[in-house]
């Protein structure tokens, strides 16, 4: 029986996407990990996927589409890097990958792009979705028509999509809530500055955060979420308005982008040591603000892997060698402080 990348991944304790990158010397991977993977592959007598090789002969062309919403944010730019590396890999075997970027969230654009993909004969779609009934219906209809769909970053569980690649967003919110409960005093007030009510990732993070605080730290006051739509200026303005109403604010939780705007306001009023801040994602200026102590914790996700592994998973699946059998392909939740940059 042929050795698969998934078997190598299980033995190496890594994802299949990491094995893919190591064996093809592409993408970002630590040298010692790549060496371990190659050694395991050699010992097992691994041979590249025969179906993938067949593509390079020109017998058939597999077309895959990638739709990234909020593409103007630092996190999704990192997702884009991964998708571009996967595109190069797939096209090396004769496949085709088209990547479409949407600034902000726009479900009509998503639907228009999906329609174009179907007309172009796309066999697979990687999608960062919004919570929209028409989009859900479209996903189900396309899957019924034989198009494989994987969601990344945010998910629509009640659809026929094949699987989700990303972080367990509800669990990430709970982790953030637990951290916040430990670092602000009893009776403290916490502000939530989120992205959009249509973004299922940030909605789940917010629910997890509020559930954890409410259950384990009931004395802490959680304010109703405000929405900045991933805009730094809007996020900063919302904080300024809240400070006028709540000058004794103790914590800020940001399940979405806009962190730089918040940090700018905290520095402006010299509140960076008085108000605790927990955010998601390591991209943009978050690393610098974490180092300076303006941000207390960053819950990091592997945005690059979301872009790379989702495209490669669809490609391998269409070649008859799917790696992920589970519905949820969750990444680790990595807690970053200024001590482990």
C-alpha atoms as a PDB file:
ATOM      1  CA  UNK A   1       0.000   0.000   0.000  1.00  0.00           C
ATOM      2  CA  UNK A   2       1.358   3.445  -0.941  1.00  0.00           C
ATOM      3  CA  UNK A   3       2.666   5.682   1.820  1.00  0.00           C
ATOM      4  CA  UNK A   4       0.695   8.927   2.147  1.00  0.00           C
ATOM      5  CA  UNK A   5       1.706  12.384   3.308  1.00  0.00           C
ATOM      6  CA  UNK A   6      -0.778  12.049   6.154  1.00  0.00           C
ATOM      7  CA  UNK A   7       1.072   8.977   7.479  1.00  0.00           C
ATOM      8  CA  UNK A   8       4.335  10.924   7.430  1.00  0.00           C
ATOM      9  CA  UNK A   9       2.620  13.854   9.147  1.00  0.00           C
ATOM     10  CA  UNK A  10       1.289  11.609  11.916  1.00  0.00           C
ATOM     11  CA  UNK A  11       4.735  10.129  12.579  1.00  0.00           C
ATOM     12  CA  UNK A  12       6.421  13.546  12.518  1.00  0.00           C
ATOM     13  CA  UNK A  13       3.762  15.180  14.684  1.00  0.00           C
ATOM     14  CA  UNK A  14       3.026  17.929  12.152  1.00  0.00           C
ATOM     15  CA  UNK A  15       0.279  18.812   9.661  1.00  0.00           C
ATOM     16  CA  UNK A  16       0.159  17.382   6.148  1.00  0.00           C
ATOM     17  CA  UNK A  17       0.696  20.863   4.758  1.00  0.00           C
ATOM     18  CA  UNK A  18       4.009  21.039   6.645  1.00  0.00           C
ATOM     19  CA  UNK A  19       5.029  17.682   5.120  1.00  0.00           C
ATOM     20  CA  UNK A  20       4.071  19.012   1.692  1.00  0.00           C
ATOM     21  CA  UNK A  21       6.260  22.091   2.142  1.00  0.00           C
ATOM     22  CA  UNK A  22       9.208  20.091   3.493  1.00  0.00           C
ATOM     23  CA  UNK A  23       9.238  17.491   0.724  1.00  0.00           C
ATOM     24  CA  UNK A  24       8.988  20.157  -1.961  1.00  0.00           C
ATOM     25  CA  UNK A  25      11.346  22.670  -0.290  1.00  0.00           C
ATOM     26  CA  UNK A  26       8.747  25.428  -0.369  1.00  0.00           C
ATOM     27  CA  UNK A  27       7.242  27.837   2.124  1.00  0.00           C
ATOM     28  CA  UNK A  28       8.260  28.579   5.689  1.00  0.00           C
ATOM     29  CA  UNK A  29       9.430  25.632   7.776  1.00  0.00           C
ATOM     30  CA  UNK A  30      12.168  25.159  10.376  1.00  0.00           C
ATOM     31  CA  UNK A  31      15.227  23.292   8.942  1.00  0.00           C
ATOM     32  CA  UNK A  32      15.255  20.685  11.719  1.00  0.00           C
ATOM     33  CA  UNK A  33      11.576  19.886  11.114  1.00  0.00           C
ATOM     34  CA  UNK A  34      12.127  19.598   7.354  1.00  0.00           C
ATOM     35  CA  UNK A  35      15.070  17.244   7.916  1.00  0.00           C
ATOM     36  CA  UNK A  36      13.004  15.026  10.253  1.00  0.00           C
ATOM     37  CA  UNK A  37      10.156  14.834   7.721  1.00  0.00           C
ATOM     38  CA  UNK A  38      12.474  13.942   4.853  1.00  0.00           C
ATOM     39  CA  UNK A  39      14.116  11.222   6.935  1.00  0.00           C
ATOM     40  CA  UNK A  40      10.746   9.663   7.779  1.00  0.00           C
ATOM     41  CA  UNK A  41       9.662   9.847   4.132  1.00  0.00           C
ATOM     42  CA  UNK A  42      12.851   8.122   3.016  1.00  0.00           C
ATOM     43  CA  UNK A  43      12.540   5.382   5.638  1.00  0.00           C
ATOM     44  CA  UNK A  44       8.947   4.682   4.579  1.00  0.00           C
ATOM     45  CA  UNK A  45       9.798   4.707   0.868  1.00  0.00           C
ATOM     46  CA  UNK A  46       7.405   7.563   0.112  1.00  0.00           C
ATOM     47  CA  UNK A  47       6.669   8.302  -3.550  1.00  0.00           C
ATOM     48  CA  UNK A  48       4.836  11.468  -4.744  1.00  0.00           C
ATOM     49  CA  UNK A  49       1.146  11.161  -5.505  1.00  0.00           C
ATOM     50  CA  UNK A  50       0.673   9.384  -8.838  1.00  0.00           C
ATOM     51  CA  UNK A  51      -2.499  11.353  -9.575  1.00  0.00           C
ATOM     52  CA  UNK A  52      -0.623  14.613  -9.048  1.00  0.00           C
ATOM     53  CA  UNK A  53       2.094  13.455 -11.434  1.00  0.00           C
ATOM     54  CA  UNK A  54      -0.532  12.676 -14.039  1.00  0.00           C
ATOM     55  CA  UNK A  55      -1.670  16.282 -13.982  1.00  0.00           C
ATOM     56  CA  UNK A  56       1.702  17.485 -15.158  1.00  0.00           C
ATOM     57  CA  UNK A  57       1.340  15.419 -18.331  1.00  0.00           C
ATOM     58  CA  UNK A  58      -1.523  17.641 -19.458  1.00  0.00           C
ATOM     59  CA  UNK A  59      -4.159  14.903 -19.386  1.00  0.00           C
ATOM     60  CA  UNK A  60      -6.430  17.084 -17.269  1.00  0.00           C
ATOM     61  CA  UNK A  61      -6.403  20.458 -15.544  1.00  0.00           C
ATOM     62  CA  UNK A  62      -7.777  20.864 -12.054  1.00  0.00           C
ATOM     63  CA  UNK A  63      -8.879  24.411 -11.334  1.00  0.00           C
ATOM     64  CA  UNK A  64      -9.172  25.749  -7.784  1.00  0.00           C
ATOM     65  CA  UNK A  65     -10.482  29.151  -6.705  1.00  0.00           C
ATOM     66  CA  UNK A  66      -9.638  31.047  -3.514  1.00  0.00           C
ATOM     67  CA  UNK A  67     -11.802  33.880  -2.158  1.00  0.00           C
ATOM     68  CA  UNK A  68     -10.373  36.020   0.639  1.00  0.00           C
ATOM     69  CA  UNK A  69     -12.554  38.625   2.327  1.00  0.00           C
ATOM     70  CA  UNK A  70     -10.988  41.342   4.514  1.00  0.00           C
ATOM     71  CA  UNK A  71      -7.927  41.029   2.290  1.00  0.00           C
ATOM     72  CA  UNK A  72      -6.683  44.474   3.321  1.00  0.00           C
ATOM     73  CA  UNK A  73      -6.036  43.295   6.906  1.00  0.00           C
ATOM     74  CA  UNK A  74      -2.570  42.075   8.022  1.00  0.00           C
ATOM     75  CA  UNK A  75      -3.852  38.622   8.999  1.00  0.00           C
ATOM     76  CA  UNK A  76      -5.467  37.878   5.652  1.00  0.00           C
ATOM     77  CA  UNK A  77      -2.379  39.150   3.862  1.00  0.00           C
ATOM     78  CA  UNK A  78      -0.525  36.338   5.631  1.00  0.00           C
ATOM     79  CA  UNK A  79      -3.259  33.891   4.573  1.00  0.00           C
ATOM     80  CA  UNK A  80      -2.659  35.199   1.032  1.00  0.00           C
ATOM     81  CA  UNK A  81       1.056  34.393   1.282  1.00  0.00           C
ATOM     82  CA  UNK A  82       0.216  30.783   2.074  1.00  0.00           C
ATOM     83  CA  UNK A  83      -2.327  30.572  -0.749  1.00  0.00           C
ATOM     84  CA  UNK A  84       0.202  31.990  -3.223  1.00  0.00           C
ATOM     85  CA  UNK A  85       2.812  29.400  -2.226  1.00  0.00           C
ATOM     86  CA  UNK A  86       0.216  26.645  -2.635  1.00  0.00           C
ATOM     87  CA  UNK A  87      -0.728  28.114  -6.029  1.00  0.00           C
ATOM     88  CA  UNK A  88       2.885  27.756  -7.187  1.00  0.00           C
ATOM     89  CA  UNK A  89       2.972  24.172  -5.955  1.00  0.00           C
ATOM     90  CA  UNK A  90      -0.306  23.187  -7.619  1.00  0.00           C
ATOM     91  CA  UNK A  91       0.644  24.863 -10.885  1.00  0.00           C
ATOM     92  CA  UNK A  92       3.967  23.048 -10.867  1.00  0.00           C
ATOM     93  CA  UNK A  93       1.884  19.873 -11.256  1.00  0.00           C
ATOM     94  CA  UNK A  94      -0.209  21.377 -14.030  1.00  0.00           C
ATOM     95  CA  UNK A  95      -3.191  22.544 -11.999  1.00  0.00           C
ATOM     96  CA  UNK A  96      -4.524  26.099 -11.907  1.00  0.00           C
ATOM     97  CA  UNK A  97      -5.321  28.316  -8.912  1.00  0.00           C
ATOM     98  CA  UNK A  98      -7.125  31.653  -9.073  1.00  0.00           C
ATOM     99  CA  UNK A  99      -7.043  33.944  -6.024  1.00  0.00           C
ATOM    100  CA  UNK A 100      -9.569  36.751  -5.572  1.00  0.00           C
ATOM    101  CA  UNK A 101      -9.262  39.362  -2.831  1.00  0.00           C
ATOM    102  CA  UNK A 102     -12.066  41.461  -1.376  1.00  0.00           C
ATOM    103  CA  UNK A 103     -11.341  44.434   0.859  1.00  0.00           C
ATOM    104  CA  UNK A 104     -13.760  44.219   3.771  1.00  0.00           C
ATOM    105  CA  UNK A 105     -16.699  41.848   3.802  1.00  0.00           C
ATOM    106  CA  UNK A 106     -18.996  41.798   0.781  1.00  0.00           C
ATOM    107  CA  UNK A 107     -21.140  38.700   0.320  1.00  0.00           C
ATOM    108  CA  UNK A 108     -22.439  39.900  -3.064  1.00  0.00           C
ATOM    109  CA  UNK A 109     -18.906  39.998  -4.391  1.00  0.00           C
ATOM    110  CA  UNK A 110     -18.282  36.537  -2.958  1.00  0.00           C
ATOM    111  CA  UNK A 111     -21.354  35.178  -4.742  1.00  0.00           C
ATOM    112  CA  UNK A 112     -20.383  36.856  -8.017  1.00  0.00           C
ATOM    113  CA  UNK A 113     -16.893  35.381  -7.833  1.00  0.00           C
ATOM    114  CA  UNK A 114     -18.269  31.927  -6.998  1.00  0.00           C
ATOM    115  CA  UNK A 115     -20.577  32.147  -9.994  1.00  0.00           C
ATOM    116  CA  UNK A 116     -17.607  32.968 -12.204  1.00  0.00           C
ATOM    117  CA  UNK A 117     -15.635  30.069 -10.758  1.00  0.00           C
ATOM    118  CA  UNK A 118     -18.408  27.633 -11.559  1.00  0.00           C
ATOM    119  CA  UNK A 119     -18.703  28.894 -15.125  1.00  0.00           C
ATOM    120  CA  UNK A 120     -14.921  28.546 -15.493  1.00  0.00           C
ATOM    121  CA  UNK A 121     -15.070  24.892 -14.442  1.00  0.00           C
ATOM    122  CA  UNK A 122     -13.489  25.199 -11.013  1.00  0.00           C
ATOM    123  CA  UNK A 123     -13.474  21.851  -9.198  1.00  0.00           C
ATOM    124  CA  UNK A 124     -12.671  23.258  -5.758  1.00  0.00           C
ATOM    125  CA  UNK A 125     -13.140  26.512  -3.840  1.00  0.00           C
ATOM    126  CA  UNK A 126     -11.375  27.771  -0.713  1.00  0.00           C
ATOM    127  CA  UNK A 127     -13.550  30.385   0.918  1.00  0.00           C
ATOM    128  CA  UNK A 128     -13.480  32.790   3.840  1.00  0.00           C
ATOM    129  CA  UNK A 129     -17.259  33.126   4.307  1.00  0.00           C
ATOM    130  CA  UNK A 130     -19.719  35.551   5.900  1.00  0.00           C
ATOM    131  CA  UNK A 131     -22.802  34.505   7.851  1.00  0.00           C
ATOM    132  CA  UNK A 132     -25.344  34.835   5.046  1.00  0.00           C
ATOM    133  CA  UNK A 133     -28.235  32.544   4.108  1.00  0.00           C
ATOM    134  CA  UNK A 134     -27.830  33.015   0.357  1.00  0.00           C
ATOM    135  CA  UNK A 135     -24.139  32.111   0.648  1.00  0.00           C
ATOM    136  CA  UNK A 136     -25.007  29.015   2.686  1.00  0.00           C
ATOM    137  CA  UNK A 137     -27.502  27.905   0.049  1.00  0.00           C
ATOM    138  CA  UNK A 138     -24.965  28.525  -2.703  1.00  0.00           C
ATOM    139  CA  UNK A 139     -22.323  26.447  -0.936  1.00  0.00           C
ATOM    140  CA  UNK A 140     -24.751  23.532  -0.567  1.00  0.00           C
ATOM    141  CA  UNK A 141     -25.842  23.782  -4.199  1.00  0.00           C
ATOM    142  CA  UNK A 142     -22.271  23.877  -5.486  1.00  0.00           C
ATOM    143  CA  UNK A 143     -21.268  20.872  -3.367  1.00  0.00           C
ATOM    144  CA  UNK A 144     -24.264  18.967  -4.741  1.00  0.00           C
ATOM    145  CA  UNK A 145     -22.984  19.864  -8.221  1.00  0.00           C
ATOM    146  CA  UNK A 146     -19.616  18.267  -7.434  1.00  0.00           C
ATOM    147  CA  UNK A 147     -17.538  21.282  -6.400  1.00  0.00           C
ATOM    148  CA  UNK A 148     -15.454  20.721  -3.278  1.00  0.00           C
ATOM    149  CA  UNK A 149     -15.481  23.629  -0.805  1.00  0.00           C
ATOM    150  CA  UNK A 150     -13.274  24.265   2.230  1.00  0.00           C
ATOM    151  CA  UNK A 151     -13.807  27.205   4.586  1.00  0.00           C
ATOM    152  CA  UNK A 152     -10.901  28.973   6.288  1.00  0.00           C
ATOM    153  CA  UNK A 153     -10.513  31.480   9.140  1.00  0.00           C
ATOM    154  CA  UNK A 154     -14.293  31.695   9.665  1.00  0.00           C
ATOM    155  CA  UNK A 155     -16.753  28.863   9.189  1.00  0.00           C
ATOM    156  CA  UNK A 156     -20.304  27.991   8.223  1.00  0.00           C
ATOM    157  CA  UNK A 157     -20.876  24.725  10.058  1.00  0.00           C
ATOM    158  CA  UNK A 158     -24.455  24.248   8.882  1.00  0.00           C
ATOM    159  CA  UNK A 159     -23.459  23.786   5.231  1.00  0.00           C
ATOM    160  CA  UNK A 160     -22.134  20.920   3.139  1.00  0.00           C
ATOM    161  CA  UNK A 161     -18.645  22.353   2.949  1.00  0.00           C
ATOM    162  CA  UNK A 162     -15.996  19.639   3.180  1.00  0.00           C
ATOM    163  CA  UNK A 163     -14.097  20.903   6.225  1.00  0.00           C
ATOM    164  CA  UNK A 164     -12.868  23.993   8.061  1.00  0.00           C
ATOM    165  CA  UNK A 165      -9.188  24.939   8.370  1.00  0.00           C
ATOM    166  CA  UNK A 166      -8.392  27.446  11.099  1.00  0.00           C
ATOM    167  CA  UNK A 167      -8.530  28.102  14.798  1.00  0.00           C
ATOM    168  CA  UNK A 168     -11.313  26.962  17.125  1.00  0.00           C
ATOM    169  CA  UNK A 169     -12.620  30.495  17.479  1.00  0.00           C
ATOM    170  CA  UNK A 170     -14.988  29.822  20.382  1.00  0.00           C
ATOM    171  CA  UNK A 171     -12.161  28.167  22.322  1.00  0.00           C
ATOM    172  CA  UNK A 172      -9.885  31.086  21.445  1.00  0.00           C
ATOM    173  CA  UNK A 173     -12.428  33.485  22.902  1.00  0.00           C
ATOM    174  CA  UNK A 174     -12.635  31.403  26.091  1.00  0.00           C
ATOM    175  CA  UNK A 175      -8.850  31.478  26.454  1.00  0.00           C
ATOM    176  CA  UNK A 176      -8.933  35.263  26.075  1.00  0.00           C
ATOM    177  CA  UNK A 177     -11.691  35.488  28.692  1.00  0.00           C
ATOM    178  CA  UNK A 178      -9.719  33.400  31.149  1.00  0.00           C
ATOM    179  CA  UNK A 179      -6.632  35.548  30.685  1.00  0.00           C
ATOM    180  CA  UNK A 180      -8.602  38.769  31.071  1.00  0.00           C
ATOM    181  CA  UNK A 181     -10.242  37.503  34.244  1.00  0.00           C
ATOM    182  CA  UNK A 182      -6.833  36.885  35.782  1.00  0.00           C
ATOM    183  CA  UNK A 183      -5.217  40.222  34.956  1.00  0.00           C
ATOM    184  CA  UNK A 184      -7.913  42.784  35.814  1.00  0.00           C
ATOM    185  CA  UNK A 185      -9.346  43.359  39.295  1.00  0.00           C
ATOM    186  CA  UNK A 186     -12.724  42.141  40.557  1.00  0.00           C
ATOM    187  CA  UNK A 187     -15.444  44.525  39.485  1.00  0.00           C
ATOM    188  CA  UNK A 188     -13.417  45.730  36.509  1.00  0.00           C
ATOM    189  CA  UNK A 189     -15.078  46.847  33.281  1.00  0.00           C
ATOM    190  CA  UNK A 190     -14.185  45.328  29.916  1.00  0.00           C
ATOM    191  CA  UNK A 191     -14.837  46.715  26.439  1.00  0.00           C
ATOM    192  CA  UNK A 192     -15.143  44.475  23.380  1.00  0.00           C
ATOM    193  CA  UNK A 193     -14.208  46.000  20.015  1.00  0.00           C
ATOM    194  CA  UNK A 194     -15.094  43.498  17.284  1.00  0.00           C
ATOM    195  CA  UNK A 195     -15.111  43.517  13.493  1.00  0.00           C
ATOM    196  CA  UNK A 196     -18.475  42.723  11.960  1.00  0.00           C
ATOM    197  CA  UNK A 197     -21.607  40.918  13.110  1.00  0.00           C
ATOM    198  CA  UNK A 198     -21.450  38.905   9.863  1.00  0.00           C
ATOM    199  CA  UNK A 199     -17.982  37.490  10.558  1.00  0.00           C
ATOM    200  CA  UNK A 200     -18.556  34.100  12.187  1.00  0.00           C
ATOM    201  CA  UNK A 201     -14.976  33.932  13.498  1.00  0.00           C
ATOM    202  CA  UNK A 202     -15.197  37.124  15.542  1.00  0.00           C
ATOM    203  CA  UNK A 203     -18.748  36.339  16.659  1.00  0.00           C
ATOM    204  CA  UNK A 204     -17.629  32.969  18.039  1.00  0.00           C
ATOM    205  CA  UNK A 205     -14.598  34.499  19.732  1.00  0.00           C
ATOM    206  CA  UNK A 206     -16.818  37.086  21.377  1.00  0.00           C
ATOM    207  CA  UNK A 207     -19.283  34.447  22.582  1.00  0.00           C
ATOM    208  CA  UNK A 208     -16.479  32.341  24.040  1.00  0.00           C
ATOM    209  CA  UNK A 209     -14.938  35.367  25.747  1.00  0.00           C
ATOM    210  CA  UNK A 210     -18.213  36.465  27.330  1.00  0.00           C
ATOM    211  CA  UNK A 211     -19.130  32.929  28.393  1.00  0.00           C
ATOM    212  CA  UNK A 212     -15.813  32.377  30.161  1.00  0.00           C
ATOM    213  CA  UNK A 213     -15.870  35.714  31.966  1.00  0.00           C
ATOM    214  CA  UNK A 214     -19.538  35.418  32.954  1.00  0.00           C
ATOM    215  CA  UNK A 215     -19.109  31.929  34.404  1.00  0.00           C
ATOM    216  CA  UNK A 216     -15.729  32.160  36.143  1.00  0.00           C
ATOM    217  CA  UNK A 217     -15.433  35.908  36.820  1.00  0.00           C
ATOM    218  CA  UNK A 218     -19.028  37.103  37.402  1.00  0.00           C
ATOM    219  CA  UNK A 219     -17.953  40.292  39.183  1.00  0.00           C
ATOM    220  CA  UNK A 220     -16.424  41.674  35.976  1.00  0.00           C
ATOM    221  CA  UNK A 221     -18.685  43.895  33.881  1.00  0.00           C
ATOM    222  CA  UNK A 222     -18.705  43.082  30.154  1.00  0.00           C
ATOM    223  CA  UNK A 223     -19.959  45.858  27.900  1.00  0.00           C
ATOM    224  CA  UNK A 224     -21.934  45.199  24.732  1.00  0.00           C
ATOM    225  CA  UNK A 225     -19.622  44.593  21.748  1.00  0.00           C
ATOM    226  CA  UNK A 226     -18.896  47.557  19.492  1.00  0.00           C
ATOM    227  CA  UNK A 227     -18.037  47.064  15.826  1.00  0.00           C
ATOM    228  CA  UNK A 228     -15.070  48.733  14.111  1.00  0.00           C
ATOM    229  CA  UNK A 229     -15.223  46.746  10.845  1.00  0.00           C
ATOM    230  CA  UNK A 230     -11.476  46.011  11.028  1.00  0.00           C
ATOM    231  CA  UNK A 231     -10.683  49.717  10.705  1.00  0.00           C
ATOM    232  CA  UNK A 232      -7.975  51.243  12.920  1.00  0.00           C
ATOM    233  CA  UNK A 233      -9.445  54.751  12.909  1.00  0.00           C
ATOM    234  CA  UNK A 234     -12.926  53.506  13.798  1.00  0.00           C
ATOM    235  CA  UNK A 235     -11.565  51.283  16.571  1.00  0.00           C
ATOM    236  CA  UNK A 236      -9.637  54.197  18.074  1.00  0.00           C
ATOM    237  CA  UNK A 237     -12.672  56.471  17.865  1.00  0.00           C
ATOM    238  CA  UNK A 238     -14.867  53.877  19.604  1.00  0.00           C
ATOM    239  CA  UNK A 239     -12.345  53.659  22.428  1.00  0.00           C
ATOM    240  CA  UNK A 240     -12.197  57.439  22.824  1.00  0.00           C
ATOM    241  CA  UNK A 241     -15.984  57.586  23.057  1.00  0.00           C
ATOM    242  CA  UNK A 242     -16.046  54.768  25.602  1.00  0.00           C
ATOM    243  CA  UNK A 243     -13.393  56.418  27.764  1.00  0.00           C
ATOM    244  CA  UNK A 244     -15.588  59.495  28.106  1.00  0.00           C
ATOM    245  CA  UNK A 245     -18.416  57.298  29.383  1.00  0.00           C
ATOM    246  CA  UNK A 246     -16.254  54.804  31.304  1.00  0.00           C
ATOM    247  CA  UNK A 247     -13.084  56.520  32.537  1.00  0.00           C
ATOM    248  CA  UNK A 248     -12.399  53.562  34.875  1.00  0.00           C
ATOM    249  CA  UNK A 249     -12.170  51.045  32.028  1.00  0.00           C
ATOM    250  CA  UNK A 250      -9.846  48.148  32.949  1.00  0.00           C
ATOM    251  CA  UNK A 251      -9.723  45.889  29.903  1.00  0.00           C
ATOM    252  CA  UNK A 252     -10.150  45.757  26.132  1.00  0.00           C
ATOM    253  CA  UNK A 253     -10.723  42.592  24.129  1.00  0.00           C
ATOM    254  CA  UNK A 254     -10.341  42.696  20.346  1.00  0.00           C
ATOM    255  CA  UNK A 255     -11.457  39.569  18.474  1.00  0.00           C
ATOM    256  CA  UNK A 256     -10.882  41.363  15.143  1.00  0.00           C
ATOM    257  CA  UNK A 257      -8.497  43.856  13.519  1.00  0.00           C
ATOM    258  CA  UNK A 258      -8.174  47.517  14.446  1.00  0.00           C
ATOM    259  CA  UNK A 259      -5.605  47.009  17.199  1.00  0.00           C
ATOM    260  CA  UNK A 260      -3.220  49.719  15.995  1.00  0.00           C
ATOM    261  CA  UNK A 261      -5.929  52.354  16.335  1.00  0.00           C
ATOM    262  CA  UNK A 262      -6.684  51.277  19.914  1.00  0.00           C
ATOM    263  CA  UNK A 263      -3.010  51.223  20.868  1.00  0.00           C
ATOM    264  CA  UNK A 264      -2.554  54.714  19.436  1.00  0.00           C
ATOM    265  CA  UNK A 265      -5.333  56.075  21.667  1.00  0.00           C
ATOM    266  CA  UNK A 266      -3.978  54.313  24.755  1.00  0.00           C
ATOM    267  CA  UNK A 267      -0.580  55.911  24.150  1.00  0.00           C
ATOM    268  CA  UNK A 268      -2.167  59.300  23.480  1.00  0.00           C
ATOM    269  CA  UNK A 269      -3.843  59.327  26.915  1.00  0.00           C
ATOM    270  CA  UNK A 270      -0.980  57.463  28.641  1.00  0.00           C
ATOM    271  CA  UNK A 271      -3.246  54.557  29.536  1.00  0.00           C
ATOM    272  CA  UNK A 272      -1.114  51.735  28.116  1.00  0.00           C
ATOM    273  CA  UNK A 273      -0.115  50.563  31.619  1.00  0.00           C
ATOM    274  CA  UNK A 274      -3.576  51.004  33.143  1.00  0.00           C
ATOM    275  CA  UNK A 275      -5.838  49.223  30.657  1.00  0.00           C
ATOM    276  CA  UNK A 276      -5.137  45.593  29.785  1.00  0.00           C
ATOM    277  CA  UNK A 277      -5.452  44.567  26.126  1.00  0.00           C
ATOM    278  CA  UNK A 278      -5.910  41.102  24.610  1.00  0.00           C
ATOM    279  CA  UNK A 279      -5.999  40.627  20.845  1.00  0.00           C
ATOM    280  CA  UNK A 280      -5.854  37.910  18.205  1.00  0.00           C
ATOM    281  CA  UNK A 281      -3.254  37.570  15.460  1.00  0.00           C
ATOM    282  CA  UNK A 282       0.438  38.401  15.399  1.00  0.00           C
ATOM    283  CA  UNK A 283       0.563  40.391  12.185  1.00  0.00           C
ATOM    284  CA  UNK A 284       0.778  44.140  11.552  1.00  0.00           C
ATOM    285  CA  UNK A 285       1.946  46.267  14.497  1.00  0.00           C
ATOM    286  CA  UNK A 286       0.764  43.800  17.140  1.00  0.00           C
ATOM    287  CA  UNK A 287       4.224  42.354  17.712  1.00  0.00           C
ATOM    288  CA  UNK A 288       5.691  45.832  18.312  1.00  0.00           C
ATOM    289  CA  UNK A 289       2.865  46.847  20.645  1.00  0.00           C
ATOM    290  CA  UNK A 290       3.185  43.562  22.500  1.00  0.00           C
ATOM    291  CA  UNK A 291       6.908  44.161  22.981  1.00  0.00           C
ATOM    292  CA  UNK A 292       6.219  47.675  24.285  1.00  0.00           C
ATOM    293  CA  UNK A 293       3.608  46.400  26.755  1.00  0.00           C
ATOM    294  CA  UNK A 294       0.645  48.188  25.165  1.00  0.00           C
ATOM    295  CA  UNK A 295      -0.831  44.773  24.326  1.00  0.00           C
ATOM    296  CA  UNK A 296      -0.692  42.183  27.110  1.00  0.00           C
ATOM    297  CA  UNK A 297      -1.523  38.991  25.225  1.00  0.00           C
ATOM    298  CA  UNK A 298      -1.790  37.939  21.588  1.00  0.00           C
ATOM    299  CA  UNK A 299      -3.611  34.709  20.739  1.00  0.00           C
ATOM    300  CA  UNK A 300      -1.755  33.686  17.617  1.00  0.00           C
ATOM    301  CA  UNK A 301      -3.198  31.613  14.785  1.00  0.00           C
ATOM    302  CA  UNK A 302      -1.268  30.144  11.853  1.00  0.00           C
ATOM    303  CA  UNK A 303      -2.671  32.355   9.116  1.00  0.00           C
ATOM    304  CA  UNK A 304      -0.087  31.202   6.577  1.00  0.00           C
ATOM    305  CA  UNK A 305      -1.093  27.558   7.057  1.00  0.00           C
ATOM    306  CA  UNK A 306      -4.752  28.401   6.525  1.00  0.00           C
ATOM    307  CA  UNK A 307      -3.973  29.663   3.041  1.00  0.00           C
ATOM    308  CA  UNK A 308      -1.467  26.980   2.131  1.00  0.00           C
ATOM    309  CA  UNK A 309      -2.996  23.848   3.625  1.00  0.00           C
ATOM    310  CA  UNK A 310      -6.545  24.529   2.453  1.00  0.00           C
ATOM    311  CA  UNK A 311      -5.493  24.848  -1.185  1.00  0.00           C
ATOM    312  CA  UNK A 312      -3.228  21.798  -0.981  1.00  0.00           C
ATOM    313  CA  UNK A 313      -5.944  19.787   0.751  1.00  0.00           C
ATOM    314  CA  UNK A 314      -8.423  20.436  -2.045  1.00  0.00           C
ATOM    315  CA  UNK A 315      -5.760  19.690  -4.640  1.00  0.00           C
ATOM    316  CA  UNK A 316      -4.806  16.352  -3.076  1.00  0.00           C
ATOM    317  CA  UNK A 317      -8.453  15.455  -2.553  1.00  0.00           C
ATOM    318  CA  UNK A 318      -9.265  16.125  -6.206  1.00  0.00           C
ATOM    319  CA  UNK A 319      -6.270  13.945  -7.092  1.00  0.00           C
ATOM    320  CA  UNK A 320      -7.825  11.135  -5.043  1.00  0.00           C
ATOM    321  CA  UNK A 321      -5.614  11.464  -1.975  1.00  0.00           C
ATOM    322  CA  UNK A 322      -7.479  13.478   0.687  1.00  0.00           C
ATOM    323  CA  UNK A 323      -5.581  13.988   3.929  1.00  0.00           C
ATOM    324  CA  UNK A 324      -8.118  15.375   6.367  1.00  0.00           C
ATOM    325  CA  UNK A 325     -10.917  13.041   7.324  1.00  0.00           C
ATOM    326  CA  UNK A 326     -12.169  15.214  10.181  1.00  0.00           C
ATOM    327  CA  UNK A 327     -14.616  18.085   9.709  1.00  0.00           C
ATOM    328  CA  UNK A 328     -12.653  20.587  11.800  1.00  0.00           C
ATOM    329  CA  UNK A 329      -8.925  20.984  11.126  1.00  0.00           C
ATOM    330  CA  UNK A 330      -8.097  23.135  14.124  1.00  0.00           C
ATOM    331  CA  UNK A 331      -4.768  24.827  14.733  1.00  0.00           C
ATOM    332  CA  UNK A 332      -3.160  25.259  18.118  1.00  0.00           C
ATOM    333  CA  UNK A 333      -4.016  28.379  20.113  1.00  0.00           C
ATOM    334  CA  UNK A 334      -0.639  29.964  20.858  1.00  0.00           C
ATOM    335  CA  UNK A 335      -0.452  32.576  23.636  1.00  0.00           C
ATOM    336  CA  UNK A 336       2.181  35.242  23.002  1.00  0.00           C
ATOM    337  CA  UNK A 337       3.505  37.739  25.553  1.00  0.00           C
ATOM    338  CA  UNK A 338       6.418  40.159  25.369  1.00  0.00           C
ATOM    339  CA  UNK A 339       8.498  37.397  26.995  1.00  0.00           C
ATOM    340  CA  UNK A 340       8.135  34.879  24.136  1.00  0.00           C
ATOM    341  CA  UNK A 341       8.135  37.030  20.999  1.00  0.00           C
END
